[in-house]
Amino acid sequence: MSKGKVIHYTQVEAKEFGPTAPGASIRVLIDDEHDGAPTYKLRMIELQPGGHTPDHSHPYEHENFVVEGTGQVMIDGEWHDLKPGDVVLAPPGIRHQYRNTGDTVFKFLCDIPVDRLLPKQ
């Protein structure tokens, strides 16, 4: 069990998503492997202007909270505008994608199950 963790999110390295998500980076803020968090993995997603996440689906939900900037989320083919304070639930098995529609960095928190709890694919 973890002894807890208190840091500023910028102390966690931002890693690029890769070629399917230009302008997108991710910071794994809390997880099982490094922090002993038994249930959830908390991540900060950062999209540069014009950046986006992959268009994808998976067998677990995403729970998101918009922290900064403006963007959109596509859930099952429908686009929704987002601003700071908005929350999003992307249900299991539903196609979804985020994109930055503004001219500043679009940041949102993303909560998913820790790796050992993810459904086997």
PDB file of N, CA and C in Angstrom:
ATOM      1  N   MET A   1       0.847  -1.184   0.000  1.00  0.00           N
ATOM      2  CA  MET A   1       0.000   0.000   0.000  1.00  0.00           C
ATOM      3  C   MET A   1       0.884   1.236   0.000  1.00  0.00           C
ATOM      4  N   SER A   2       0.417   2.244  -0.687  1.00  0.00           N
ATOM      5  CA  SER A   2       1.145   3.497  -0.823  1.00  0.00           C
ATOM      6  C   SER A   2       1.145   4.291   0.482  1.00  0.00           C
ATOM      7  N   LYS A   3       2.191   5.078   0.674  1.00  0.00           N
ATOM      8  CA  LYS A   3       2.256   6.003   1.803  1.00  0.00           C
ATOM      9  C   LYS A   3       1.665   7.352   1.418  1.00  0.00           C
ATOM     10  N   GLY A   4       1.151   7.448   0.198  1.00  0.00           N
ATOM     11  CA  GLY A   4       0.584   8.694  -0.289  1.00  0.00           C
ATOM     12  C   GLY A   4       1.546   9.396  -1.237  1.00  0.00           C
ATOM     13  N   LYS A   5       1.048  10.446  -1.848  1.00  0.00           N
ATOM     14  CA  LYS A   5       1.860  11.179  -2.812  1.00  0.00           C
ATOM     15  C   LYS A   5       1.308  12.591  -2.909  1.00  0.00           C
ATOM     16  N   VAL A   6       2.184  13.568  -2.842  1.00  0.00           N
ATOM     17  CA  VAL A   6       1.796  14.962  -3.026  1.00  0.00           C
ATOM     18  C   VAL A   6       2.883  15.616  -3.867  1.00  0.00           C
ATOM     19  N   ILE A   7       2.544  15.952  -5.104  1.00  0.00           N
ATOM     20  CA  ILE A   7       3.480  16.630  -6.005  1.00  0.00           C
ATOM     21  C   ILE A   7       2.689  17.554  -6.921  1.00  0.00           C
ATOM     22  N   HIS A   8       3.392  18.421  -7.624  1.00  0.00           N
ATOM     23  CA  HIS A   8       2.762  19.221  -8.672  1.00  0.00           C
ATOM     24  C   HIS A   8       2.796  18.382  -9.947  1.00  0.00           C
ATOM     25  N   TYR A   9       1.732  18.424 -10.726  1.00  0.00           N
ATOM     26  CA  TYR A   9       1.651  17.563 -11.908  1.00  0.00           C
ATOM     27  C   TYR A   9       2.804  17.767 -12.884  1.00  0.00           C
ATOM     28  N   THR A  10       3.396  18.954 -12.923  1.00  0.00           N
ATOM     29  CA  THR A  10       4.493  19.206 -13.855  1.00  0.00           C
ATOM     30  C   THR A  10       5.773  18.472 -13.461  1.00  0.00           C
ATOM     31  N   GLN A  11       5.806  17.895 -12.258  1.00  0.00           N
ATOM     32  CA  GLN A  11       6.960  17.095 -11.849  1.00  0.00           C
ATOM     33  C   GLN A  11       6.945  15.713 -12.497  1.00  0.00           C
ATOM     34  N   VAL A  12       5.847  15.362 -13.143  1.00  0.00           N
ATOM     35  CA  VAL A  12       5.732  14.085 -13.857  1.00  0.00           C
ATOM     36  C   VAL A  12       6.027  14.347 -15.332  1.00  0.00           C
ATOM     37  N   GLU A  13       6.915  13.558 -15.904  1.00  0.00           N
ATOM     38  CA  GLU A  13       7.312  13.734 -17.297  1.00  0.00           C
ATOM     39  C   GLU A  13       6.130  13.561 -18.245  1.00  0.00           C
ATOM     40  N   ALA A  14       6.020  14.461 -19.208  1.00  0.00           N
ATOM     41  CA  ALA A  14       5.022  14.345 -20.272  1.00  0.00           C
ATOM     42  C   ALA A  14       5.622  13.507 -21.397  1.00  0.00           C
ATOM     43  N   LYS A  15       4.912  12.463 -21.801  1.00  0.00           N
ATOM     44  CA  LYS A  15       5.393  11.583 -22.875  1.00  0.00           C
ATOM     45  C   LYS A  15       4.461  11.711 -24.073  1.00  0.00           C
ATOM     46  N   GLU A  16       5.049  11.736 -25.254  1.00  0.00           N
ATOM     47  CA  GLU A  16       4.274  11.851 -26.488  1.00  0.00           C
ATOM     48  C   GLU A  16       3.441  10.589 -26.709  1.00  0.00           C
ATOM     49  N   PHE A  17       2.233  10.761 -27.237  1.00  0.00           N
ATOM     50  CA  PHE A  17       1.368   9.626 -27.568  1.00  0.00           C
ATOM     51  C   PHE A  17       1.940   8.806 -28.700  1.00  0.00           C
ATOM     52  N   GLY A  18       2.449   9.483 -29.732  1.00  0.00           N
ATOM     53  CA  GLY A  18       2.965   8.785 -30.898  1.00  0.00           C
ATOM     54  C   GLY A  18       2.307   9.277 -32.173  1.00  0.00           C
ATOM     55  N   PRO A  19       2.572   8.597 -33.294  1.00  0.00           N
ATOM     56  CA  PRO A  19       2.141   9.094 -34.604  1.00  0.00           C
ATOM     57  C   PRO A  19       0.622   9.145 -34.813  1.00  0.00           C
ATOM     58  N   THR A  20      -0.154   8.396 -34.063  1.00  0.00           N
ATOM     59  CA  THR A  20      -1.613   8.425 -34.242  1.00  0.00           C
ATOM     60  C   THR A  20      -2.262   9.583 -33.493  1.00  0.00           C
ATOM     61  N   ALA A  21      -1.458  10.355 -32.764  1.00  0.00           N
ATOM     62  CA  ALA A  21      -1.993  11.466 -31.969  1.00  0.00           C
ATOM     63  C   ALA A  21      -1.017  12.643 -31.978  1.00  0.00           C
ATOM     64  N   PRO A  22      -0.907  13.343 -33.123  1.00  0.00           N
ATOM     65  CA  PRO A  22       0.030  14.472 -33.186  1.00  0.00           C
ATOM     66  C   PRO A  22      -0.357  15.573 -32.211  1.00  0.00           C
ATOM     67  N   GLY A  23       0.659  16.124 -31.538  1.00  0.00           N
ATOM     68  CA  GLY A  23       0.435  17.213 -30.597  1.00  0.00           C
ATOM     69  C   GLY A  23      -0.128  16.776 -29.262  1.00  0.00           C
ATOM     70  N   ALA A  24      -0.158  15.479 -28.992  1.00  0.00           N
ATOM     71  CA  ALA A  24      -0.735  14.960 -27.747  1.00  0.00           C
ATOM     72  C   ALA A  24       0.355  14.377 -26.852  1.00  0.00           C
ATOM     73  N   SER A  25       0.281  14.712 -25.556  1.00  0.00           N
ATOM     74  CA  SER A  25       1.190  14.115 -24.581  1.00  0.00           C
ATOM     75  C   SER A  25       0.384  13.690 -23.354  1.00  0.00           C
ATOM     76  N   ILE A  26       1.003  12.807 -22.569  1.00  0.00           N
ATOM     77  CA  ILE A  26       0.326  12.245 -21.405  1.00  0.00           C
ATOM     78  C   ILE A  26       1.291  12.216 -20.228  1.00  0.00           C
ATOM     79  N   ARG A  27       0.776  12.554 -19.056  1.00  0.00           N
ATOM     80  CA  ARG A  27       1.525  12.442 -17.803  1.00  0.00           C
ATOM     81  C   ARG A  27       0.757  11.453 -16.931  1.00  0.00           C
ATOM     82  N   VAL A  28       1.387  10.358 -16.549  1.00  0.00           N
ATOM     83  CA  VAL A  28       0.742   9.397 -15.639  1.00  0.00           C
ATOM     84  C   VAL A  28       1.006   9.905 -14.223  1.00  0.00           C
ATOM     85  N   LEU A  29       0.001  10.528 -13.644  1.00  0.00           N
ATOM     86  CA  LEU A  29       0.152  11.201 -12.351  1.00  0.00           C
ATOM     87  C   LEU A  29       0.132  10.234 -11.178  1.00  0.00           C
ATOM     88  N   ILE A  30      -0.777   9.278 -11.216  1.00  0.00           N
ATOM     89  CA  ILE A  30      -0.911   8.285 -10.141  1.00  0.00           C
ATOM     90  C   ILE A  30      -1.231   6.951 -10.789  1.00  0.00           C
ATOM     91  N   ASP A  31      -0.522   5.897 -10.368  1.00  0.00           N
ATOM     92  CA  ASP A  31      -0.828   4.560 -10.880  1.00  0.00           C
ATOM     93  C   ASP A  31      -0.409   3.490  -9.879  1.00  0.00           C
ATOM     94  N   ASP A  32      -0.724   2.271 -10.213  1.00  0.00           N
ATOM     95  CA  ASP A  32      -0.429   1.127  -9.354  1.00  0.00           C
ATOM     96  C   ASP A  32       1.065   0.839  -9.294  1.00  0.00           C
ATOM     97  N   GLU A  33       1.704   0.822 -10.465  1.00  0.00           N
ATOM     98  CA  GLU A  33       3.116   0.443 -10.561  1.00  0.00           C
ATOM     99  C   GLU A  33       4.041   1.345  -9.751  1.00  0.00           C
ATOM    100  N   HIS A  34       3.869   2.668  -9.855  1.00  0.00           N
ATOM    101  CA  HIS A  34       4.782   3.604  -9.198  1.00  0.00           C
ATOM    102  C   HIS A  34       4.302   4.103  -7.849  1.00  0.00           C
ATOM    103  N   ASP A  35       2.975   4.101  -7.653  1.00  0.00           N
ATOM    104  CA  ASP A  35       2.418   4.733  -6.464  1.00  0.00           C
ATOM    105  C   ASP A  35       1.623   3.792  -5.564  1.00  0.00           C
ATOM    106  N   GLY A  36       1.389   2.569  -6.014  1.00  0.00           N
ATOM    107  CA  GLY A  36       0.625   1.624  -5.214  1.00  0.00           C
ATOM    108  C   GLY A  36      -0.866   1.927  -5.181  1.00  0.00           C
ATOM    109  N   ALA A  37      -1.355   2.719  -6.130  1.00  0.00           N
ATOM    110  CA  ALA A  37      -2.795   3.011  -6.193  1.00  0.00           C
ATOM    111  C   ALA A  37      -3.502   1.735  -6.658  1.00  0.00           C
ATOM    112  N   PRO A  38      -4.383   1.162  -5.851  1.00  0.00           N
ATOM    113  CA  PRO A  38      -4.922  -0.158  -6.148  1.00  0.00           C
ATOM    114  C   PRO A  38      -6.033  -0.210  -7.191  1.00  0.00           C
ATOM    115  N   THR A  39      -6.651   0.924  -7.523  1.00  0.00           N
ATOM    116  CA  THR A  39      -7.849   0.859  -8.361  1.00  0.00           C
ATOM    117  C   THR A  39      -7.785   1.740  -9.602  1.00  0.00           C
ATOM    118  N   TYR A  40      -7.347   2.988  -9.458  1.00  0.00           N
ATOM    119  CA  TYR A  40      -7.408   3.932 -10.566  1.00  0.00           C
ATOM    120  C   TYR A  40      -6.041   4.435 -10.990  1.00  0.00           C
ATOM    121  N   LYS A  41      -5.956   4.784 -12.282  1.00  0.00           N
ATOM    122  CA  LYS A  41      -4.788   5.444 -12.852  1.00  0.00           C
ATOM    123  C   LYS A  41      -5.252   6.828 -13.281  1.00  0.00           C
ATOM    124  N   LEU A  42      -4.610   7.869 -12.730  1.00  0.00           N
ATOM    125  CA  LEU A  42      -4.965   9.245 -13.059  1.00  0.00           C
ATOM    126  C   LEU A  42      -3.909   9.818 -13.991  1.00  0.00           C
ATOM    127  N   ARG A  43      -4.374  10.364 -15.116  1.00  0.00           N
ATOM    128  CA  ARG A  43      -3.462  10.888 -16.125  1.00  0.00           C
ATOM    129  C   ARG A  43      -3.874  12.298 -16.518  1.00  0.00           C
ATOM    130  N   MET A  44      -2.893  13.121 -16.880  1.00  0.00           N
ATOM    131  CA  MET A  44      -3.143  14.441 -17.445  1.00  0.00           C
ATOM    132  C   MET A  44      -2.821  14.347 -18.928  1.00  0.00           C
ATOM    133  N   ILE A  45      -3.814  14.628 -19.757  1.00  0.00           N
ATOM    134  CA  ILE A  45      -3.626  14.653 -21.201  1.00  0.00           C
ATOM    135  C   ILE A  45      -3.482  16.110 -21.612  1.00  0.00           C
ATOM    136  N   GLU A  46      -2.482  16.397 -22.449  1.00  0.00           N
ATOM    137  CA  GLU A  46      -2.237  17.751 -22.913  1.00  0.00           C
ATOM    138  C   GLU A  46      -2.200  17.738 -24.434  1.00  0.00           C
ATOM    139  N   LEU A  47      -3.083  18.540 -25.040  1.00  0.00           N
ATOM    140  CA  LEU A  47      -3.150  18.631 -26.493  1.00  0.00           C
ATOM    141  C   LEU A  47      -2.731  20.026 -26.928  1.00  0.00           C
ATOM    142  N   GLN A  48      -1.721  20.092 -27.759  1.00  0.00           N
ATOM    143  CA  GLN A  48      -1.278  21.363 -28.317  1.00  0.00           C
ATOM    144  C   GLN A  48      -2.326  21.858 -29.320  1.00  0.00           C
ATOM    145  N   PRO A  49      -2.335  23.164 -29.647  1.00  0.00           N
ATOM    146  CA  PRO A  49      -3.279  23.649 -30.659  1.00  0.00           C
ATOM    147  C   PRO A  49      -3.204  22.786 -31.920  1.00  0.00           C
ATOM    148  N   GLY A  50      -4.366  22.328 -32.382  1.00  0.00           N
ATOM    149  CA  GLY A  50      -4.437  21.440 -33.544  1.00  0.00           C
ATOM    150  C   GLY A  50      -4.207  19.981 -33.226  1.00  0.00           C
ATOM    151  N   GLY A  51      -3.810  19.659 -31.985  1.00  0.00           N
ATOM    152  CA  GLY A  51      -3.528  18.274 -31.606  1.00  0.00           C
ATOM    153  C   GLY A  51      -4.787  17.489 -31.297  1.00  0.00           C
ATOM    154  N   HIS A  52      -4.635  16.165 -31.299  1.00  0.00           N
ATOM    155  CA  HIS A  52      -5.767  15.293 -30.980  1.00  0.00           C
ATOM    156  C   HIS A  52      -5.290  13.951 -30.449  1.00  0.00           C
ATOM    157  N   THR A  53      -6.184  13.263 -29.763  1.00  0.00           N
ATOM    158  CA  THR A  53      -5.931  11.901 -29.316  1.00  0.00           C
ATOM    159  C   THR A  53      -6.329  10.952 -30.442  1.00  0.00           C
ATOM    160  N   PRO A  54      -5.979   9.676 -30.340  1.00  0.00           N
ATOM    161  CA  PRO A  54      -6.428   8.725 -31.360  1.00  0.00           C
ATOM    162  C   PRO A  54      -7.954   8.571 -31.326  1.00  0.00           C
ATOM    163  N   ASP A  55      -8.534   8.225 -32.449  1.00  0.00           N
ATOM    164  CA  ASP A  55      -9.943   7.834 -32.537  1.00  0.00           C
ATOM    165  C   ASP A  55      -9.952   6.348 -32.197  1.00  0.00           C
ATOM    166  N   HIS A  56     -10.519   6.000 -31.029  1.00  0.00           N
ATOM    167  CA  HIS A  56     -10.384   4.620 -30.563  1.00  0.00           C
ATOM    168  C   HIS A  56     -11.529   4.225 -29.642  1.00  0.00           C
ATOM    169  N   SER A  57     -11.547   2.957 -29.288  1.00  0.00           N
ATOM    170  CA  SER A  57     -12.461   2.447 -28.265  1.00  0.00           C
ATOM    171  C   SER A  57     -11.732   1.344 -27.515  1.00  0.00           C
ATOM    172  N   HIS A  58     -12.243   0.996 -26.348  1.00  0.00           N
ATOM    173  CA  HIS A  58     -11.678  -0.076 -25.533  1.00  0.00           C
ATOM    174  C   HIS A  58     -12.740  -0.539 -24.539  1.00  0.00           C
ATOM    175  N   PRO A  59     -12.518  -1.668 -23.895  1.00  0.00           N
ATOM    176  CA  PRO A  59     -13.572  -2.258 -23.052  1.00  0.00           C
ATOM    177  C   PRO A  59     -13.687  -1.684 -21.635  1.00  0.00           C
ATOM    178  N   TYR A  60     -13.181  -0.489 -21.409  1.00  0.00           N
ATOM    179  CA  TYR A  60     -13.318   0.165 -20.103  1.00  0.00           C
ATOM    180  C   TYR A  60     -13.677   1.625 -20.328  1.00  0.00           C
ATOM    181  N   GLU A  61     -14.230   2.256 -19.321  1.00  0.00           N
ATOM    182  CA  GLU A  61     -14.653   3.654 -19.438  1.00  0.00           C
ATOM    183  C   GLU A  61     -13.486   4.614 -19.253  1.00  0.00           C
ATOM    184  N   HIS A  62     -13.672   5.815 -19.782  1.00  0.00           N
ATOM    185  CA  HIS A  62     -12.816   6.960 -19.479  1.00  0.00           C
ATOM    186  C   HIS A  62     -13.668   7.929 -18.674  1.00  0.00           C
ATOM    187  N   GLU A  63     -13.106   8.499 -17.635  1.00  0.00           N
ATOM    188  CA  GLU A  63     -13.757   9.559 -16.872  1.00  0.00           C
ATOM    189  C   GLU A  63     -12.822  10.763 -16.948  1.00  0.00           C
ATOM    190  N   ASN A  64     -13.334  11.891 -17.468  1.00  0.00           N
ATOM    191  CA  ASN A  64     -12.476  13.029 -17.761  1.00  0.00           C
ATOM    192  C   ASN A  64     -13.002  14.318 -17.147  1.00  0.00           C
ATOM    193  N   PHE A  65     -12.055  15.209 -16.801  1.00  0.00           N
ATOM    194  CA  PHE A  65     -12.373  16.529 -16.270  1.00  0.00           C
ATOM    195  C   PHE A  65     -11.497  17.543 -17.006  1.00  0.00           C
ATOM    196  N   VAL A  66     -12.114  18.514 -17.663  1.00  0.00           N
ATOM    197  CA  VAL A  66     -11.371  19.522 -18.416  1.00  0.00           C
ATOM    198  C   VAL A  66     -10.802  20.550 -17.442  1.00  0.00           C
ATOM    199  N   VAL A  67      -9.479  20.734 -17.513  1.00  0.00           N
ATOM    200  CA  VAL A  67      -8.765  21.632 -16.614  1.00  0.00           C
ATOM    201  C   VAL A  67      -8.518  22.991 -17.258  1.00  0.00           C
ATOM    202  N   GLU A  68      -8.141  22.990 -18.529  1.00  0.00           N
ATOM    203  CA  GLU A  68      -7.683  24.231 -19.155  1.00  0.00           C
ATOM    204  C   GLU A  68      -7.865  24.167 -20.668  1.00  0.00           C
ATOM    205  N   GLY A  69      -8.160  25.297 -21.293  1.00  0.00           N
ATOM    206  CA  GLY A  69      -8.265  25.375 -22.744  1.00  0.00           C
ATOM    207  C   GLY A  69      -9.651  25.001 -23.250  1.00  0.00           C
ATOM    208  N   THR A  70      -9.756  24.939 -24.579  1.00  0.00           N
ATOM    209  CA  THR A  70     -11.016  24.552 -25.208  1.00  0.00           C
ATOM    210  C   THR A  70     -10.760  23.435 -26.208  1.00  0.00           C
ATOM    211  N   GLY A  71     -11.749  22.601 -26.359  1.00  0.00           N
ATOM    212  CA  GLY A  71     -11.613  21.485 -27.278  1.00  0.00           C
ATOM    213  C   GLY A  71     -12.949  20.857 -27.552  1.00  0.00           C
ATOM    214  N   GLN A  72     -12.881  19.676 -28.111  1.00  0.00           N
ATOM    215  CA  GLN A  72     -14.081  18.897 -28.388  1.00  0.00           C
ATOM    216  C   GLN A  72     -13.796  17.435 -28.099  1.00  0.00           C
ATOM    217  N   VAL A  73     -14.857  16.715 -27.797  1.00  0.00           N
ATOM    218  CA  VAL A  73     -14.784  15.266 -27.675  1.00  0.00           C
ATOM    219  C   VAL A  73     -15.809  14.673 -28.628  1.00  0.00           C
ATOM    220  N   MET A  74     -15.394  13.622 -29.325  1.00  0.00           N
ATOM    221  CA  MET A  74     -16.291  12.854 -30.162  1.00  0.00           C
ATOM    222  C   MET A  74     -16.622  11.580 -29.391  1.00  0.00           C
ATOM    223  N   ILE A  75     -17.893  11.360 -29.179  1.00  0.00           N
ATOM    224  CA  ILE A  75     -18.356  10.121 -28.550  1.00  0.00           C
ATOM    225  C   ILE A  75     -19.341   9.470 -29.502  1.00  0.00           C
ATOM    226  N   ASP A  76     -18.961   8.289 -29.995  1.00  0.00           N
ATOM    227  CA  ASP A  76     -19.823   7.511 -30.882  1.00  0.00           C
ATOM    228  C   ASP A  76     -20.276   8.330 -32.095  1.00  0.00           C
ATOM    229  N   GLY A  77     -19.330   9.109 -32.685  1.00  0.00           N
ATOM    230  CA  GLY A  77     -19.597   9.851 -33.905  1.00  0.00           C
ATOM    231  C   GLY A  77     -20.145  11.253 -33.718  1.00  0.00           C
ATOM    232  N   GLU A  78     -20.466  11.664 -32.497  1.00  0.00           N
ATOM    233  CA  GLU A  78     -21.025  12.993 -32.261  1.00  0.00           C
ATOM    234  C   GLU A  78     -20.017  13.859 -31.503  1.00  0.00           C
ATOM    235  N   TRP A  79     -19.766  15.083 -32.019  1.00  0.00           N
ATOM    236  CA  TRP A  79     -18.810  16.001 -31.409  1.00  0.00           C
ATOM    237  C   TRP A  79     -19.501  16.907 -30.400  1.00  0.00           C
ATOM    238  N   HIS A  80     -18.813  17.169 -29.264  1.00  0.00           N
ATOM    239  CA  HIS A  80     -19.318  18.027 -28.190  1.00  0.00           C
ATOM    240  C   HIS A  80     -18.228  19.033 -27.827  1.00  0.00           C
ATOM    241  N   ASP A  81     -18.599  20.321 -27.703  1.00  0.00           N
ATOM    242  CA  ASP A  81     -17.654  21.363 -27.292  1.00  0.00           C
ATOM    243  C   ASP A  81     -17.321  21.217 -25.808  1.00  0.00           C
ATOM    244  N   LEU A  82     -16.068  21.535 -25.458  1.00  0.00           N
ATOM    245  CA  LEU A  82     -15.604  21.420 -24.068  1.00  0.00           C
ATOM    246  C   LEU A  82     -14.875  22.678 -23.621  1.00  0.00           C
ATOM    247  N   LYS A  83     -15.021  22.989 -22.341  1.00  0.00           N
ATOM    248  CA  LYS A  83     -14.335  24.124 -21.707  1.00  0.00           C
ATOM    249  C   LYS A  83     -13.963  23.708 -20.287  1.00  0.00           C
ATOM    250  N   PRO A  84     -13.115  24.494 -19.599  1.00  0.00           N
ATOM    251  CA  PRO A  84     -12.728  24.147 -18.235  1.00  0.00           C
ATOM    252  C   PRO A  84     -13.951  23.925 -17.332  1.00  0.00           C
ATOM    253  N   GLY A  85     -13.877  22.870 -16.545  1.00  0.00           N
ATOM    254  CA  GLY A  85     -14.957  22.504 -15.629  1.00  0.00           C
ATOM    255  C   GLY A  85     -15.896  21.458 -16.181  1.00  0.00           C
ATOM    256  N   ASP A  86     -15.848  21.200 -17.498  1.00  0.00           N
ATOM    257  CA  ASP A  86     -16.713  20.172 -18.075  1.00  0.00           C
ATOM    258  C   ASP A  86     -16.203  18.783 -17.709  1.00  0.00           C
ATOM    259  N   VAL A  87     -17.133  17.848 -17.591  1.00  0.00           N
ATOM    260  CA  VAL A  87     -16.793  16.457 -17.330  1.00  0.00           C
ATOM    261  C   VAL A  87     -17.323  15.591 -18.465  1.00  0.00           C
ATOM    262  N   VAL A  88     -16.634  14.481 -18.719  1.00  0.00           N
ATOM    263  CA  VAL A  88     -16.993  13.580 -19.812  1.00  0.00           C
ATOM    264  C   VAL A  88     -16.913  12.148 -19.313  1.00  0.00           C
ATOM    265  N   LEU A  89     -17.893  11.354 -19.682  1.00  0.00           N
ATOM    266  CA  LEU A  89     -17.835   9.906 -19.497  1.00  0.00           C
ATOM    267  C   LEU A  89     -17.863   9.282 -20.881  1.00  0.00           C
ATOM    268  N   ALA A  90     -16.800   8.593 -21.239  1.00  0.00           N
ATOM    269  CA  ALA A  90     -16.762   7.813 -22.474  1.00  0.00           C
ATOM    270  C   ALA A  90     -16.987   6.358 -22.048  1.00  0.00           C
ATOM    271  N   PRO A  91     -18.170   5.812 -22.311  1.00  0.00           N
ATOM    272  CA  PRO A  91     -18.500   4.459 -21.849  1.00  0.00           C
ATOM    273  C   PRO A  91     -17.627   3.381 -22.493  1.00  0.00           C
ATOM    274  N   PRO A  92     -17.582   2.204 -21.888  1.00  0.00           N
ATOM    275  CA  PRO A  92     -16.825   1.094 -22.470  1.00  0.00           C
ATOM    276  C   PRO A  92     -17.334   0.758 -23.869  1.00  0.00           C
ATOM    277  N   GLY A  93     -16.403   0.468 -24.777  1.00  0.00           N
ATOM    278  CA  GLY A  93     -16.756   0.009 -26.110  1.00  0.00           C
ATOM    279  C   GLY A  93     -17.222   1.080 -27.072  1.00  0.00           C
ATOM    280  N   ILE A  94     -17.235   2.351 -26.666  1.00  0.00           N
ATOM    281  CA  ILE A  94     -17.713   3.437 -27.516  1.00  0.00           C
ATOM    282  C   ILE A  94     -16.518   4.185 -28.112  1.00  0.00           C
ATOM    283  N   ARG A  95     -16.560   4.425 -29.439  1.00  0.00           N
ATOM    284  CA  ARG A  95     -15.505   5.217 -30.088  1.00  0.00           C
ATOM    285  C   ARG A  95     -15.481   6.615 -29.491  1.00  0.00           C
ATOM    286  N   HIS A  96     -14.266   7.136 -29.265  1.00  0.00           N
ATOM    287  CA  HIS A  96     -14.108   8.481 -28.736  1.00  0.00           C
ATOM    288  C   HIS A  96     -12.768   9.064 -29.157  1.00  0.00           C
ATOM    289  N   GLN A  97     -12.732  10.401 -29.179  1.00  0.00           N
ATOM    290  CA  GLN A  97     -11.517  11.129 -29.551  1.00  0.00           C
ATOM    291  C   GLN A  97     -11.639  12.548 -29.017  1.00  0.00           C
ATOM    292  N   TYR A  98     -10.520  13.116 -28.603  1.00  0.00           N
ATOM    293  CA  TYR A  98     -10.452  14.510 -28.158  1.00  0.00           C
ATOM    294  C   TYR A  98      -9.626  15.302 -29.149  1.00  0.00           C
ATOM    295  N   ARG A  99      -9.993  16.589 -29.319  1.00  0.00           N
ATOM    296  CA  ARG A  99      -9.172  17.472 -30.146  1.00  0.00           C
ATOM    297  C   ARG A  99      -9.180  18.876 -29.556  1.00  0.00           C
ATOM    298  N   ASN A 100      -8.055  19.552 -29.743  1.00  0.00           N
ATOM    299  CA  ASN A 100      -7.905  20.930 -29.289  1.00  0.00           C
ATOM    300  C   ASN A 100      -8.447  21.839 -30.386  1.00  0.00           C
ATOM    301  N   THR A 101      -9.430  22.669 -30.042  1.00  0.00           N
ATOM    302  CA  THR A 101     -10.005  23.599 -31.011  1.00  0.00           C
ATOM    303  C   THR A 101      -9.589  25.039 -30.724  1.00  0.00           C
ATOM    304  N   GLY A 102      -8.763  25.242 -29.723  1.00  0.00           N
ATOM    305  CA  GLY A 102      -8.340  26.586 -29.347  1.00  0.00           C
ATOM    306  C   GLY A 102      -6.920  26.890 -29.777  1.00  0.00           C
ATOM    307  N   ASP A 103      -6.397  27.998 -29.271  1.00  0.00           N
ATOM    308  CA  ASP A 103      -5.025  28.388 -29.617  1.00  0.00           C
ATOM    309  C   ASP A 103      -4.094  28.347 -28.413  1.00  0.00           C
ATOM    310  N   THR A 104      -4.534  27.670 -27.346  1.00  0.00           N
ATOM    311  CA  THR A 104      -3.684  27.394 -26.183  1.00  0.00           C
ATOM    312  C   THR A 104      -3.748  25.891 -25.904  1.00  0.00           C
ATOM    313  N   VAL A 105      -2.930  25.410 -24.994  1.00  0.00           N
ATOM    314  CA  VAL A 105      -2.921  23.987 -24.659  1.00  0.00           C
ATOM    315  C   VAL A 105      -4.261  23.597 -24.023  1.00  0.00           C
ATOM    316  N   PHE A 106      -4.808  22.490 -24.464  1.00  0.00           N
ATOM    317  CA  PHE A 106      -6.044  21.915 -23.934  1.00  0.00           C
ATOM    318  C   PHE A 106      -5.629  20.787 -22.994  1.00  0.00           C
ATOM    319  N   LYS A 107      -6.022  20.890 -21.711  1.00  0.00           N
ATOM    320  CA  LYS A 107      -5.610  19.910 -20.703  1.00  0.00           C
ATOM    321  C   LYS A 107      -6.839  19.299 -20.049  1.00  0.00           C
ATOM    322  N   PHE A 108      -6.800  17.975 -19.880  1.00  0.00           N
ATOM    323  CA  PHE A 108      -7.874  17.315 -19.149  1.00  0.00           C
ATOM    324  C   PHE A 108      -7.324  16.127 -18.372  1.00  0.00           C
ATOM    325  N   LEU A 109      -7.949  15.885 -17.231  1.00  0.00           N
ATOM    326  CA  LEU A 109      -7.615  14.717 -16.422  1.00  0.00           C
ATOM    327  C   LEU A 109      -8.376  13.522 -16.963  1.00  0.00           C
ATOM    328  N   CYS A 110      -7.730  12.377 -16.952  1.00  0.00           N
ATOM    329  CA  CYS A 110      -8.326  11.146 -17.461  1.00  0.00           C
ATOM    330  C   CYS A 110      -8.102  10.045 -16.434  1.00  0.00           C
ATOM    331  N   ASP A 111      -9.180   9.454 -15.968  1.00  0.00           N
ATOM    332  CA  ASP A 111      -9.151   8.410 -14.946  1.00  0.00           C
ATOM    333  C   ASP A 111      -9.588   7.099 -15.577  1.00  0.00           C
ATOM    334  N   ILE A 112      -8.750   6.065 -15.459  1.00  0.00           N
ATOM    335  CA  ILE A 112      -9.075   4.727 -15.965  1.00  0.00           C
ATOM    336  C   ILE A 112      -8.672   3.707 -14.907  1.00  0.00           C
ATOM    337  N   PRO A 113      -9.114   2.459 -15.039  1.00  0.00           N
ATOM    338  CA  PRO A 113      -8.669   1.429 -14.097  1.00  0.00           C
ATOM    339  C   PRO A 113      -7.164   1.182 -14.230  1.00  0.00           C
ATOM    340  N   VAL A 114      -6.520   0.782 -13.133  1.00  0.00           N
ATOM    341  CA  VAL A 114      -5.103   0.412 -13.215  1.00  0.00           C
ATOM    342  C   VAL A 114      -4.961  -0.800 -14.127  1.00  0.00           C
ATOM    343  N   ASP A 115      -3.770  -0.989 -14.666  1.00  0.00           N
ATOM    344  CA  ASP A 115      -3.532  -2.020 -15.678  1.00  0.00           C
ATOM    345  C   ASP A 115      -4.018  -3.403 -15.252  1.00  0.00           C
ATOM    346  N   ARG A 116      -3.788  -3.786 -14.005  1.00  0.00           N
ATOM    347  CA  ARG A 116      -4.152  -5.143 -13.589  1.00  0.00           C
ATOM    348  C   ARG A 116      -5.651  -5.351 -13.533  1.00  0.00           C
ATOM    349  N   LEU A 117      -6.437  -4.266 -13.540  1.00  0.00           N
ATOM    350  CA  LEU A 117      -7.900  -4.379 -13.519  1.00  0.00           C
ATOM    351  C   LEU A 117      -8.528  -4.240 -14.896  1.00  0.00           C
ATOM    352  N   LEU A 118      -7.711  -3.938 -15.918  1.00  0.00           N
ATOM    353  CA  LEU A 118      -8.263  -3.774 -17.244  1.00  0.00           C
ATOM    354  C   LEU A 118      -8.735  -5.115 -17.799  1.00  0.00           C
ATOM    355  N   PRO A 119      -9.846  -5.108 -18.531  1.00  0.00           N
ATOM    356  CA  PRO A 119     -10.320  -6.357 -19.153  1.00  0.00           C
ATOM    357  C   PRO A 119      -9.277  -6.884 -20.128  1.00  0.00           C
ATOM    358  N   LYS A 120      -9.149  -8.182 -20.175  1.00  0.00           N
ATOM    359  CA  LYS A 120      -8.218  -8.815 -21.117  1.00  0.00           C
ATOM    360  C   LYS A 120      -8.813  -8.742 -22.513  1.00  0.00           C
ATOM    361  N   GLN A 121      -7.970  -8.345 -23.477  1.00  0.00           N
ATOM    362  CA  GLN A 121      -8.472  -8.200 -24.861  1.00  0.00           C
ATOM    363  C   GLN A 121      -8.022  -9.355 -25.722  1.00  0.00           C
TER     364      GLN A 121
END
